[in-house]
């Protein structure tokens, strides 16, 4: 699981804030649980085909996990070690 810094747009424009990888699946989702993008990174390593509509169960499960994780970690500040 990881958080995309808000000041870094992705290669396809403004990507969702959170990401999670589990096996073949990589999910990008906003902190509100919207804008889900689901990719089968084994079959589609360039992440060209969003499979979210075809696998709503995977989206729901991974979204819940990454949003819960994000809420459990301390917020990053300018003083956070990763920012220096």
PDB file of N, CA and C in Angstrom:
ATOM      1  N   UNK A   1       0.842  -1.171   0.000  1.00  0.00           N
ATOM      2  CA  UNK A   1       0.000   0.000   0.000  1.00  0.00           C
ATOM      3  C   UNK A   1       0.884   1.231   0.000  1.00  0.00           C
ATOM      4  N   UNK A   2       0.426   2.269  -0.655  1.00  0.00           N
ATOM      5  CA  UNK A   2       1.172   3.517  -0.655  1.00  0.00           C
ATOM      6  C   UNK A   2       0.256   4.691  -0.962  1.00  0.00           C
ATOM      7  N   UNK A   3       0.776   5.897  -0.658  1.00  0.00           N
ATOM      8  CA  UNK A   3       0.075   7.150  -0.887  1.00  0.00           C
ATOM      9  C   UNK A   3       0.847   7.933  -1.934  1.00  0.00           C
ATOM     10  N   UNK A   4       0.143   8.419  -2.921  1.00  0.00           N
ATOM     11  CA  UNK A   4       0.758   9.265  -3.939  1.00  0.00           C
ATOM     12  C   UNK A   4       0.777  10.692  -3.401  1.00  0.00           C
ATOM     13  N   UNK A   5       1.938  11.315  -3.357  1.00  0.00           N
ATOM     14  CA  UNK A   5       1.976  12.711  -2.907  1.00  0.00           C
ATOM     15  C   UNK A   5       1.085  13.569  -3.806  1.00  0.00           C
ATOM     16  N   UNK A   6       0.273  14.436  -3.227  1.00  0.00           N
ATOM     17  CA  UNK A   6      -0.693  15.210  -4.018  1.00  0.00           C
ATOM     18  C   UNK A   6      -0.063  16.159  -5.026  1.00  0.00           C
ATOM     19  N   UNK A   7       1.211  16.483  -4.854  1.00  0.00           N
ATOM     20  CA  UNK A   7       1.860  17.399  -5.783  1.00  0.00           C
ATOM     21  C   UNK A   7       2.494  16.672  -6.973  1.00  0.00           C
ATOM     22  N   UNK A   8       2.272  15.366  -7.068  1.00  0.00           N
ATOM     23  CA  UNK A   8       2.882  14.599  -8.160  1.00  0.00           C
ATOM     24  C   UNK A   8       1.813  13.950  -9.031  1.00  0.00           C
ATOM     25  N   UNK A   9       1.434  14.597 -10.115  1.00  0.00           N
ATOM     26  CA  UNK A   9       0.477  13.959 -11.025  1.00  0.00           C
ATOM     27  C   UNK A   9       1.119  12.750 -11.697  1.00  0.00           C
ATOM     28  N   UNK A  10       0.319  11.787 -12.042  1.00  0.00           N
ATOM     29  CA  UNK A  10       0.833  10.586 -12.677  1.00  0.00           C
ATOM     30  C   UNK A  10       0.920  10.735 -14.179  1.00  0.00           C
ATOM     31  N   UNK A  11       1.352   9.678 -14.853  1.00  0.00           N
ATOM     32  CA  UNK A  11       1.523   9.738 -16.310  1.00  0.00           C
ATOM     33  C   UNK A  11       0.205   9.939 -17.054  1.00  0.00           C
ATOM     34  N   UNK A  12      -0.912   9.607 -16.418  1.00  0.00           N
ATOM     35  CA  UNK A  12      -2.218   9.788 -17.057  1.00  0.00           C
ATOM     36  C   UNK A  12      -2.959  10.980 -16.463  1.00  0.00           C
ATOM     37  N   UNK A  13      -2.243  11.938 -15.913  1.00  0.00           N
ATOM     38  CA  UNK A  13      -2.890  13.102 -15.312  1.00  0.00           C
ATOM     39  C   UNK A  13      -2.983  12.952 -13.807  1.00  0.00           C
ATOM     40  N   UNK A  14      -4.019  13.512 -13.243  1.00  0.00           N
ATOM     41  CA  UNK A  14      -4.201  13.520 -11.797  1.00  0.00           C
ATOM     42  C   UNK A  14      -4.751  12.173 -11.319  1.00  0.00           C
ATOM     43  N   UNK A  15      -3.894  11.356 -10.743  1.00  0.00           N
ATOM     44  CA  UNK A  15      -4.286  10.023 -10.293  1.00  0.00           C
ATOM     45  C   UNK A  15      -4.874  10.066  -8.891  1.00  0.00           C
ATOM     46  N   UNK A  16      -5.631   9.032  -8.508  1.00  0.00           N
ATOM     47  CA  UNK A  16      -6.131   8.934  -7.137  1.00  0.00           C
ATOM     48  C   UNK A  16      -4.985   8.888  -6.128  1.00  0.00           C
ATOM     49  N   UNK A  17      -5.312   9.192  -4.870  1.00  0.00           N
ATOM     50  CA  UNK A  17      -4.312   9.342  -3.816  1.00  0.00           C
ATOM     51  C   UNK A  17      -3.714   8.034  -3.304  1.00  0.00           C
ATOM     52  N   UNK A  18      -4.496   6.965  -3.283  1.00  0.00           N
ATOM     53  CA  UNK A  18      -4.070   5.727  -2.641  1.00  0.00           C
ATOM     54  C   UNK A  18      -3.878   4.612  -3.656  1.00  0.00           C
ATOM     55  N   UNK A  19      -2.988   3.678  -3.317  1.00  0.00           N
ATOM     56  CA  UNK A  19      -2.764   2.515  -4.176  1.00  0.00           C
ATOM     57  C   UNK A  19      -2.519   1.298  -3.296  1.00  0.00           C
ATOM     58  N   UNK A  20      -2.911   0.154  -3.815  1.00  0.00           N
ATOM     59  CA  UNK A  20      -2.684  -1.113  -3.139  1.00  0.00           C
ATOM     60  C   UNK A  20      -2.404  -2.160  -4.202  1.00  0.00           C
ATOM     61  N   UNK A  21      -1.505  -3.057  -3.883  1.00  0.00           N
ATOM     62  CA  UNK A  21      -1.177  -4.168  -4.783  1.00  0.00           C
ATOM     63  C   UNK A  21      -1.402  -5.461  -4.029  1.00  0.00           C
ATOM     64  N   UNK A  22      -2.114  -6.383  -4.650  1.00  0.00           N
ATOM     65  CA  UNK A  22      -2.349  -7.714  -4.090  1.00  0.00           C
ATOM     66  C   UNK A  22      -2.338  -8.709  -5.245  1.00  0.00           C
ATOM     67  N   UNK A  23      -1.293  -9.526  -5.284  1.00  0.00           N
ATOM     68  CA  UNK A  23      -1.188 -10.504  -6.374  1.00  0.00           C
ATOM     69  C   UNK A  23      -1.199  -9.815  -7.717  1.00  0.00           C
ATOM     70  N   UNK A  24      -2.101 -10.229  -8.570  1.00  0.00           N
ATOM     71  CA  UNK A  24      -2.198  -9.662  -9.915  1.00  0.00           C
ATOM     72  C   UNK A  24      -2.835  -8.275  -9.930  1.00  0.00           C
ATOM     73  N   UNK A  25      -3.509  -7.901  -8.841  1.00  0.00           N
ATOM     74  CA  UNK A  25      -4.306  -6.686  -8.823  1.00  0.00           C
ATOM     75  C   UNK A  25      -3.550  -5.478  -8.285  1.00  0.00           C
ATOM     76  N   UNK A  26      -3.745  -4.348  -8.944  1.00  0.00           N
ATOM     77  CA  UNK A  26      -3.298  -3.052  -8.438  1.00  0.00           C
ATOM     78  C   UNK A  26      -4.498  -2.127  -8.521  1.00  0.00           C
ATOM     79  N   UNK A  27      -4.834  -1.532  -7.379  1.00  0.00           N
ATOM     80  CA  UNK A  27      -5.967  -0.621  -7.315  1.00  0.00           C
ATOM     81  C   UNK A  27      -5.486   0.765  -6.958  1.00  0.00           C
ATOM     82  N   UNK A  28      -5.952   1.748  -7.696  1.00  0.00           N
ATOM     83  CA  UNK A  28      -5.773   3.160  -7.376  1.00  0.00           C
ATOM     84  C   UNK A  28      -7.153   3.680  -6.992  1.00  0.00           C
ATOM     85  N   UNK A  29      -7.224   4.449  -5.897  1.00  0.00           N
ATOM     86  CA  UNK A  29      -8.525   4.930  -5.435  1.00  0.00           C
ATOM     87  C   UNK A  29      -8.328   6.220  -4.641  1.00  0.00           C
ATOM     88  N   UNK A  30      -9.340   7.080  -4.649  1.00  0.00           N
ATOM     89  CA  UNK A  30      -9.273   8.299  -3.849  1.00  0.00           C
ATOM     90  C   UNK A  30      -9.499   7.964  -2.380  1.00  0.00           C
ATOM     91  N   UNK A  31      -9.153   8.879  -1.524  1.00  0.00           N
ATOM     92  CA  UNK A  31      -9.363   8.673  -0.084  1.00  0.00           C
ATOM     93  C   UNK A  31     -10.844   8.546   0.247  1.00  0.00           C
ATOM     94  N   UNK A  32     -11.718   9.021  -0.608  1.00  0.00           N
ATOM     95  CA  UNK A  32     -13.162   8.914  -0.396  1.00  0.00           C
ATOM     96  C   UNK A  32     -13.730   7.622  -0.973  1.00  0.00           C
ATOM     97  N   UNK A  33     -12.879   6.820  -1.588  1.00  0.00           N
ATOM     98  CA  UNK A  33     -13.335   5.562  -2.181  1.00  0.00           C
ATOM     99  C   UNK A  33     -13.883   5.705  -3.589  1.00  0.00           C
ATOM    100  N   UNK A  34     -13.641   6.843  -4.212  1.00  0.00           N
ATOM    101  CA  UNK A  34     -14.127   7.074  -5.577  1.00  0.00           C
ATOM    102  C   UNK A  34     -12.962   6.995  -6.561  1.00  0.00           C
ATOM    103  N   UNK A  35     -13.277   7.125  -7.827  1.00  0.00           N
ATOM    104  CA  UNK A  35     -12.282   7.135  -8.911  1.00  0.00           C
ATOM    105  C   UNK A  35     -11.416   5.872  -8.933  1.00  0.00           C
ATOM    106  N   UNK A  36     -12.022   4.731  -8.673  1.00  0.00           N
ATOM    107  CA  UNK A  36     -11.275   3.471  -8.639  1.00  0.00           C
ATOM    108  C   UNK A  36     -10.756   3.098 -10.028  1.00  0.00           C
ATOM    109  N   UNK A  37      -9.508   2.696 -10.047  1.00  0.00           N
ATOM    110  CA  UNK A  37      -8.879   2.154 -11.250  1.00  0.00           C
ATOM    111  C   UNK A  37      -8.238   0.836 -10.847  1.00  0.00           C
ATOM    112  N   UNK A  38      -8.685  -0.239 -11.452  1.00  0.00           N
ATOM    113  CA  UNK A  38      -8.186  -1.576 -11.128  1.00  0.00           C
ATOM    114  C   UNK A  38      -7.489  -2.159 -12.350  1.00  0.00           C
ATOM    115  N   UNK A  39      -6.286  -2.672 -12.118  1.00  0.00           N
ATOM    116  CA  UNK A  39      -5.504  -3.244 -13.213  1.00  0.00           C
ATOM    117  C   UNK A  39      -5.008  -4.628 -12.845  1.00  0.00           C
ATOM    118  N   UNK A  40      -4.986  -5.506 -13.827  1.00  0.00           N
ATOM    119  CA  UNK A  40      -4.339  -6.808 -13.703  1.00  0.00           C
ATOM    120  C   UNK A  40      -2.924  -6.586 -14.225  1.00  0.00           C
ATOM    121  N   UNK A  41      -1.996  -6.325 -13.311  1.00  0.00           N
ATOM    122  CA  UNK A  41      -0.651  -5.932 -13.722  1.00  0.00           C
ATOM    123  C   UNK A  41       0.157  -7.067 -14.346  1.00  0.00           C
ATOM    124  N   UNK A  42      -0.284  -8.302 -14.161  1.00  0.00           N
ATOM    125  CA  UNK A  42       0.401  -9.416 -14.824  1.00  0.00           C
ATOM    126  C   UNK A  42       0.019  -9.478 -16.304  1.00  0.00           C
ATOM    127  N   UNK A  43      -1.262  -9.306 -16.590  1.00  0.00           N
ATOM    128  CA  UNK A  43      -1.739  -9.351 -17.975  1.00  0.00           C
ATOM    129  C   UNK A  43      -1.587  -8.002 -18.679  1.00  0.00           C
ATOM    130  N   UNK A  44      -1.530  -6.917 -17.904  1.00  0.00           N
ATOM    131  CA  UNK A  44      -1.513  -5.558 -18.448  1.00  0.00           C
ATOM    132  C   UNK A  44      -0.497  -4.713 -17.669  1.00  0.00           C
ATOM    133  N   UNK A  45       0.800  -4.979 -17.842  1.00  0.00           N
ATOM    134  CA  UNK A  45       1.808  -4.269 -17.049  1.00  0.00           C
ATOM    135  C   UNK A  45       1.861  -2.759 -17.285  1.00  0.00           C
ATOM    136  N   UNK A  46       1.338  -2.300 -18.397  1.00  0.00           N
ATOM    137  CA  UNK A  46       1.323  -0.850 -18.668  1.00  0.00           C
ATOM    138  C   UNK A  46       0.061  -0.172 -18.140  1.00  0.00           C
ATOM    139  N   UNK A  47      -0.791  -0.947 -17.500  1.00  0.00           N
ATOM    140  CA  UNK A  47      -2.010  -0.440 -16.872  1.00  0.00           C
ATOM    141  C   UNK A  47      -2.859   0.366 -17.856  1.00  0.00           C
ATOM    142  N   UNK A  48      -3.205  -0.264 -18.946  1.00  0.00           N
ATOM    143  CA  UNK A  48      -3.984   0.390 -19.999  1.00  0.00           C
ATOM    144  C   UNK A  48      -5.485   0.156 -19.871  1.00  0.00           C
ATOM    145  N   UNK A  49      -5.886  -0.995 -19.288  1.00  0.00           N
ATOM    146  CA  UNK A  49      -7.311  -1.362 -19.228  1.00  0.00           C
ATOM    147  C   UNK A  49      -7.789  -1.354 -17.783  1.00  0.00           C
ATOM    148  N   UNK A  50      -8.654  -0.413 -17.460  1.00  0.00           N
ATOM    149  CA  UNK A  50      -9.247  -0.315 -16.138  1.00  0.00           C
ATOM    150  C   UNK A  50     -10.337  -1.380 -16.012  1.00  0.00           C
ATOM    151  N   UNK A  51     -10.147  -2.320 -15.099  1.00  0.00           N
ATOM    152  CA  UNK A  51     -11.072  -3.438 -14.916  1.00  0.00           C
ATOM    153  C   UNK A  51     -12.028  -3.248 -13.741  1.00  0.00           C
ATOM    154  N   UNK A  52     -12.121  -2.039 -13.208  1.00  0.00           N
ATOM    155  CA  UNK A  52     -12.942  -1.786 -12.020  1.00  0.00           C
ATOM    156  C   UNK A  52     -14.403  -2.188 -12.218  1.00  0.00           C
ATOM    157  N   UNK A  53     -14.967  -1.864 -13.342  1.00  0.00           N
ATOM    158  CA  UNK A  53     -16.378  -2.185 -13.595  1.00  0.00           C
ATOM    159  C   UNK A  53     -16.614  -3.692 -13.713  1.00  0.00           C
ATOM    160  N   UNK A  54     -15.597  -4.418 -14.148  1.00  0.00           N
ATOM    161  CA  UNK A  54     -15.727  -5.866 -14.331  1.00  0.00           C
ATOM    162  C   UNK A  54     -15.488  -6.658 -13.050  1.00  0.00           C
ATOM    163  N   UNK A  55     -14.849  -6.043 -12.056  1.00  0.00           N
ATOM    164  CA  UNK A  55     -14.512  -6.740 -10.804  1.00  0.00           C
ATOM    165  C   UNK A  55     -14.852  -5.881  -9.590  1.00  0.00           C
ATOM    166  N   UNK A  56     -16.148  -5.549  -9.411  1.00  0.00           N
ATOM    167  CA  UNK A  56     -16.526  -4.671  -8.298  1.00  0.00           C
ATOM    168  C   UNK A  56     -16.215  -5.264  -6.925  1.00  0.00           C
ATOM    169  N   UNK A  57     -16.213  -6.577  -6.827  1.00  0.00           N
ATOM    170  CA  UNK A  57     -15.885  -7.222  -5.542  1.00  0.00           C
ATOM    171  C   UNK A  57     -14.428  -6.968  -5.153  1.00  0.00           C
ATOM    172  N   UNK A  58     -13.523  -7.038  -6.114  1.00  0.00           N
ATOM    173  CA  UNK A  58     -12.104  -6.774  -5.863  1.00  0.00           C
ATOM    174  C   UNK A  58     -11.924  -5.305  -5.502  1.00  0.00           C
ATOM    175  N   UNK A  59     -12.596  -4.416  -6.227  1.00  0.00           N
ATOM    176  CA  UNK A  59     -12.517  -2.980  -5.943  1.00  0.00           C
ATOM    177  C   UNK A  59     -12.988  -2.694  -4.523  1.00  0.00           C
ATOM    178  N   UNK A  60     -14.102  -3.265  -4.137  1.00  0.00           N
ATOM    179  CA  UNK A  60     -14.651  -3.024  -2.805  1.00  0.00           C
ATOM    180  C   UNK A  60     -13.695  -3.524  -1.716  1.00  0.00           C
ATOM    181  N   UNK A  61     -13.187  -4.724  -1.875  1.00  0.00           N
ATOM    182  CA  UNK A  61     -12.304  -5.320  -0.867  1.00  0.00           C
ATOM    183  C   UNK A  61     -11.002  -4.553  -0.735  1.00  0.00           C
ATOM    184  N   UNK A  62     -10.361  -4.267  -1.864  1.00  0.00           N
ATOM    185  CA  UNK A  62      -9.084  -3.556  -1.817  1.00  0.00           C
ATOM    186  C   UNK A  62      -9.255  -2.096  -1.400  1.00  0.00           C
ATOM    187  N   UNK A  63     -10.345  -1.460  -1.819  1.00  0.00           N
ATOM    188  CA  UNK A  63     -10.608  -0.079  -1.394  1.00  0.00           C
ATOM    189  C   UNK A  63     -10.752  -0.003   0.114  1.00  0.00           C
ATOM    190  N   UNK A  64     -11.536  -0.909   0.678  1.00  0.00           N
ATOM    191  CA  UNK A  64     -11.736  -0.910   2.133  1.00  0.00           C
ATOM    192  C   UNK A  64     -10.401  -1.092   2.854  1.00  0.00           C
ATOM    193  N   UNK A  65      -9.563  -1.982   2.357  1.00  0.00           N
ATOM    194  CA  UNK A  65      -8.271  -2.247   3.000  1.00  0.00           C
ATOM    195  C   UNK A  65      -7.348  -1.042   2.936  1.00  0.00           C
ATOM    196  N   UNK A  66      -7.212  -0.418   1.773  1.00  0.00           N
ATOM    197  CA  UNK A  66      -6.262   0.693   1.637  1.00  0.00           C
ATOM    198  C   UNK A  66      -6.779   1.960   2.329  1.00  0.00           C
ATOM    199  N   UNK A  67      -8.077   2.179   2.338  1.00  0.00           N
ATOM    200  CA  UNK A  67      -8.625   3.345   3.038  1.00  0.00           C
ATOM    201  C   UNK A  67      -8.453   3.178   4.547  1.00  0.00           C
ATOM    202  N   UNK A  68      -8.695   1.981   5.068  1.00  0.00           N
ATOM    203  CA  UNK A  68      -8.484   1.720   6.500  1.00  0.00           C
ATOM    204  C   UNK A  68      -7.011   1.901   6.858  1.00  0.00           C
ATOM    205  N   UNK A  69      -6.124   1.400   6.015  1.00  0.00           N
ATOM    206  CA  UNK A  69      -4.685   1.570   6.253  1.00  0.00           C
ATOM    207  C   UNK A  69      -4.315   3.047   6.283  1.00  0.00           C
ATOM    208  N   UNK A  70      -4.816   3.822   5.306  1.00  0.00           N
ATOM    209  CA  UNK A  70      -4.492   5.245   5.222  1.00  0.00           C
ATOM    210  C   UNK A  70      -4.954   5.986   6.484  1.00  0.00           C
ATOM    211  N   UNK A  71      -6.109   5.628   6.999  1.00  0.00           N
ATOM    212  CA  UNK A  71      -6.626   6.270   8.218  1.00  0.00           C
ATOM    213  C   UNK A  71      -5.810   5.879   9.444  1.00  0.00           C
ATOM    214  N   UNK A  72      -5.117   4.758   9.386  1.00  0.00           N
ATOM    215  CA  UNK A  72      -4.366   4.271  10.545  1.00  0.00           C
ATOM    216  C   UNK A  72      -2.957   4.849  10.655  1.00  0.00           C
ATOM    217  N   UNK A  73      -2.458   5.448   9.580  1.00  0.00           N
ATOM    218  CA  UNK A  73      -1.091   5.979   9.618  1.00  0.00           C
ATOM    219  C   UNK A  73      -1.126   7.467   9.962  1.00  0.00           C
ATOM    220  N   UNK A  74      -0.068   7.952  10.630  1.00  0.00           N
ATOM    221  CA  UNK A  74      -0.035   9.386  10.957  1.00  0.00           C
ATOM    222  C   UNK A  74       0.045  10.227   9.688  1.00  0.00           C
ATOM    223  N   UNK A  75      -0.607  11.380   9.695  1.00  0.00           N
ATOM    224  CA  UNK A  75      -0.518  12.253   8.516  1.00  0.00           C
ATOM    225  C   UNK A  75       0.913  12.752   8.319  1.00  0.00           C
ATOM    226  N   UNK A  76       1.294  12.895   7.079  1.00  0.00           N
ATOM    227  CA  UNK A  76       2.643  13.405   6.771  1.00  0.00           C
ATOM    228  C   UNK A  76       2.641  14.922   6.881  1.00  0.00           C
ATOM    229  N   UNK A  77       3.728  15.440   7.379  1.00  0.00           N
ATOM    230  CA  UNK A  77       3.905  16.894   7.499  1.00  0.00           C
ATOM    231  C   UNK A  77       5.233  17.264   6.849  1.00  0.00           C
ATOM    232  N   UNK A  78       5.498  18.554   6.797  1.00  0.00           N
ATOM    233  CA  UNK A  78       6.761  19.028   6.234  1.00  0.00           C
ATOM    234  C   UNK A  78       7.940  18.540   7.055  1.00  0.00           C
ATOM    235  N   UNK A  79       7.712  18.180   8.322  1.00  0.00           N
ATOM    236  CA  UNK A  79       8.775  17.707   9.190  1.00  0.00           C
ATOM    237  C   UNK A  79       8.962  16.192   9.132  1.00  0.00           C
ATOM    238  N   UNK A  80       8.113  15.486   8.374  1.00  0.00           N
ATOM    239  CA  UNK A  80       8.240  14.041   8.270  1.00  0.00           C
ATOM    240  C   UNK A  80       9.572  13.677   7.626  1.00  0.00           C
ATOM    241  N   UNK A  81      10.243  12.621   8.106  1.00  0.00           N
ATOM    242  CA  UNK A  81      11.544  12.236   7.529  1.00  0.00           C
ATOM    243  C   UNK A  81      11.518  12.032   6.028  1.00  0.00           C
ATOM    244  N   UNK A  82      10.443  11.497   5.483  1.00  0.00           N
ATOM    245  CA  UNK A  82      10.385  11.230   4.049  1.00  0.00           C
ATOM    246  C   UNK A  82      10.350  12.521   3.231  1.00  0.00           C
ATOM    247  N   UNK A  83       9.974  13.619   3.858  1.00  0.00           N
ATOM    248  CA  UNK A  83       9.874  14.892   3.143  1.00  0.00           C
ATOM    249  C   UNK A  83      11.210  15.631   3.115  1.00  0.00           C
ATOM    250  N   UNK A  84      12.159  15.249   3.939  1.00  0.00           N
ATOM    251  CA  UNK A  84      13.433  15.980   4.011  1.00  0.00           C
ATOM    252  C   UNK A  84      14.436  15.464   3.016  1.00  0.00           C
TER     253      UNK A  84
END
